[in-house]
Amino acid sequence: MSDRKKEQAVERALTEGYEKYYRLAYSYVHNEADALDIVQEAAYKAILKSDSLKEPQYVETWVYRIVVNEACSFLRSRKESADVEEIQAASEDIYENIDLKRAIENLDPKDRAIVVLRFFEDRQLEEIAKILDENLNTVKSRLYRVMKKLRLNLEGSTG
């Protein structure tokens, strides 16, 4: 596939999947403006690096991976310069259940990404493993552990 066709495939994936990429970024930072910045930077890098896309059929997974990397980079830089409570104070309620939202926010960023990708984005476990650059069995065990943890947290908050 030519570099121009790869670039067009990336542009199409960005256009068609923008909302999904935004929700993923938002699940990391809980702030609309920061999520938009992350997606914008990820889109820029995806287009810039489109010639390095090895398997065009996985363009969407590749862009997800770029968004995850950008979100992690953002959080690392933010830890050095901002207070976590300040970030959470700016968050909007995107989940219907406030207890569920709080439980998900308290998860480790990688665990939170697994939950968001699996249940809010309906991604298959194999695709989540590719996006997060993890072994499939690692993703399965993390998801099992996280679901158990969420269940205990939610039962504790309601009962």
Protein backbone atom coordinates (compact mmCIF):
# COMPACT_ATOMS: atom_id res chain seq x y z
CA MET A 1 0.00 0.00 0.00
CA SER A 2 1.37 3.40 -0.97
CA ASP A 3 2.14 6.05 1.63
CA ARG A 4 -0.68 8.23 0.29
CA LYS A 5 -3.21 5.40 0.63
CA LYS A 6 -1.98 4.75 4.18
CA GLU A 7 -2.42 8.44 4.98
CA GLN A 8 -5.95 8.35 3.55
CA ALA A 9 -6.76 5.24 5.62
CA VAL A 10 -5.52 7.01 8.75
CA GLU A 11 -7.53 10.15 7.94
CA ARG A 12 -10.65 8.03 7.38
CA ALA A 13 -10.12 6.18 10.69
CA LEU A 14 -9.66 9.50 12.50
CA THR A 15 -12.80 10.98 10.97
CA GLU A 16 -14.99 7.94 11.52
CA GLY A 17 -13.64 7.09 14.98
CA TYR A 18 -13.20 10.57 16.45
CA GLU A 19 -15.89 10.12 19.14
CA LYS A 20 -14.39 6.80 20.26
CA TYR A 21 -10.90 8.25 20.48
CA TYR A 22 -12.23 11.22 22.44
CA ARG A 23 -14.05 8.94 24.93
CA LEU A 24 -10.89 6.91 25.42
CA ALA A 25 -8.79 10.02 26.06
CA TYR A 26 -11.47 11.38 28.37
CA SER A 27 -11.45 8.14 30.37
CA TYR A 28 -7.82 8.89 31.21
CA VAL A 29 -7.96 12.61 32.00
CA HIS A 30 -11.59 13.35 32.97
CA ASN A 31 -11.37 16.78 31.39
CA GLU A 32 -12.94 17.81 28.08
CA ALA A 33 -10.26 20.27 26.97
CA ASP A 34 -7.40 17.93 27.84
CA ALA A 35 -9.10 15.00 26.06
CA LEU A 36 -9.53 17.16 22.96
CA ASP A 37 -5.85 18.13 23.11
CA ILE A 38 -4.83 14.48 23.43
CA VAL A 39 -6.94 13.44 20.44
CA GLN A 40 -5.64 16.36 18.38
CA GLU A 41 -2.03 15.49 19.17
CA ALA A 42 -2.69 11.80 18.49
CA ALA A 43 -4.30 12.66 15.14
CA TYR A 44 -1.33 14.83 14.20
CA LYS A 45 1.12 12.04 15.07
CA ALA A 46 -0.97 9.39 13.29
CA ILE A 47 -1.04 11.39 10.06
CA LEU A 48 2.63 12.31 10.38
CA LYS A 49 3.64 8.68 10.95
CA SER A 50 1.10 7.07 8.60
CA ASP A 51 3.92 5.78 6.39
CA SER A 52 5.08 3.59 9.31
CA LEU A 53 1.72 1.76 9.43
CA LYS A 54 2.68 -1.83 8.66
CA GLU A 55 -0.75 -3.47 8.52
CA PRO A 56 -3.41 -1.09 7.12
CA GLN A 57 -6.26 -3.40 8.18
CA TYR A 58 -5.35 -2.54 11.79
CA VAL A 59 -5.35 1.22 11.29
CA GLU A 60 -8.05 1.76 13.94
CA THR A 61 -6.15 -0.30 16.52
CA TRP A 62 -2.98 1.59 15.61
CA VAL A 63 -4.71 4.95 16.20
CA TYR A 64 -6.14 3.69 19.52
CA ARG A 65 -2.59 2.84 20.56
CA ILE A 66 -1.40 6.34 19.68
CA VAL A 67 -4.26 7.85 21.74
CA VAL A 68 -3.36 5.63 24.72
CA ASN A 69 0.30 6.64 24.46
CA GLU A 70 -0.62 10.33 24.24
CA ALA A 71 -2.93 10.05 27.25
CA CYS A 72 -0.21 8.32 29.28
CA SER A 73 2.34 10.96 28.27
CA PHE A 74 -0.11 13.68 29.23
CA LEU A 75 -0.70 12.11 32.65
CA ARG A 76 3.04 11.77 33.26
CA SER A 77 3.61 15.42 32.43
CA ARG A 78 0.56 16.48 34.44
CA LYS A 79 1.79 14.62 37.53
CA GLU A 80 4.79 16.86 37.50
CA SER A 81 2.78 20.06 37.20
CA ALA A 82 -0.75 19.63 38.55
CA ASP A 83 -2.72 18.24 41.43
CA VAL A 84 -4.93 15.19 40.68
CA GLU A 85 -7.87 16.74 42.55
CA GLU A 86 -7.76 19.72 40.21
CA ILE A 87 -8.11 17.42 37.21
CA GLN A 88 -10.97 15.47 38.79
CA ALA A 89 -12.76 18.66 39.84
CA ALA A 90 -13.04 19.65 36.18
CA SER A 91 -14.52 16.32 35.15
CA GLU A 92 -18.01 15.91 33.76
CA ASP A 93 -20.29 12.98 34.47
CA ILE A 94 -20.18 10.74 31.39
CA TYR A 95 -21.42 7.64 33.18
CA GLU A 96 -25.02 7.25 34.32
CA ASN A 97 -24.18 5.62 37.64
CA ILE A 98 -22.18 7.93 39.91
CA ASP A 99 -20.90 5.02 42.03
CA LEU A 100 -19.69 3.24 38.92
CA LYS A 101 -18.04 6.45 37.69
CA ARG A 102 -16.18 6.87 40.98
CA ALA A 103 -15.13 3.23 41.05
CA ILE A 104 -13.78 3.43 37.49
CA GLU A 105 -11.98 6.73 38.19
CA ASN A 106 -10.16 5.10 41.10
CA LEU A 107 -8.72 2.36 38.91
CA ASP A 108 -5.15 2.28 37.69
CA PRO A 109 -5.01 3.96 34.23
CA LYS A 110 -4.30 0.68 32.40
CA ASP A 111 -7.14 -1.09 34.24
CA ARG A 112 -9.44 1.84 33.47
CA ALA A 113 -8.49 1.65 29.79
CA ILE A 114 -9.33 -2.06 29.70
CA VAL A 115 -12.76 -1.44 31.22
CA VAL A 116 -13.52 1.52 28.94
CA LEU A 117 -12.38 -0.29 25.80
CA ARG A 118 -14.26 -3.48 26.68
CA PHE A 119 -17.55 -2.15 28.01
CA PHE A 120 -17.91 1.39 26.68
CA GLU A 121 -16.26 0.84 23.30
CA ASP A 122 -17.28 -2.84 22.83
CA ARG A 123 -13.76 -3.89 21.85
CA GLN A 124 -12.74 -7.56 21.71
CA LEU A 125 -10.08 -8.72 24.17
CA GLU A 126 -7.64 -9.47 21.35
CA GLU A 127 -7.95 -5.90 20.08
CA ILE A 128 -7.55 -4.47 23.59
CA ALA A 129 -4.34 -6.49 23.95
CA LYS A 130 -3.01 -4.97 20.72
CA ILE A 131 -4.06 -1.45 21.68
CA LEU A 132 -2.41 -1.66 25.09
CA ASP A 133 0.55 -3.67 23.79
CA GLU A 134 -0.12 -6.42 26.33
CA ASN A 135 -0.32 -10.20 26.16
CA LEU A 136 -3.90 -11.45 25.67
CA ASN A 137 -3.76 -13.55 28.86
CA THR A 138 -2.54 -10.52 30.80
CA VAL A 139 -5.52 -8.50 29.56
CA LYS A 140 -7.91 -11.34 30.47
CA SER A 141 -6.52 -11.70 33.98
CA ARG A 142 -6.46 -7.92 34.54
CA LEU A 143 -10.06 -7.65 33.35
CA TYR A 144 -11.13 -10.48 35.67
CA ARG A 145 -9.30 -8.89 38.62
CA VAL A 146 -10.68 -5.41 37.83
CA MET A 147 -14.25 -6.68 37.50
CA LYS A 148 -13.95 -8.45 40.84
CA LYS A 149 -12.57 -5.26 42.40
CA LEU A 150 -15.35 -3.12 40.87
CA ARG A 151 -18.01 -5.58 42.04
CA LEU A 152 -16.67 -5.45 45.61
CA ASN A 153 -16.46 -1.65 45.54
CA LEU A 154 -19.99 -1.29 44.19
CA GLU A 155 -21.45 -3.82 46.63
CA GLY A 156 -19.71 -1.98 49.46
CA SER A 157 -21.13 1.38 48.36
CA THR A 158 -24.70 0.11 48.04
CA GLY A 159 -24.90 -2.33 50.89
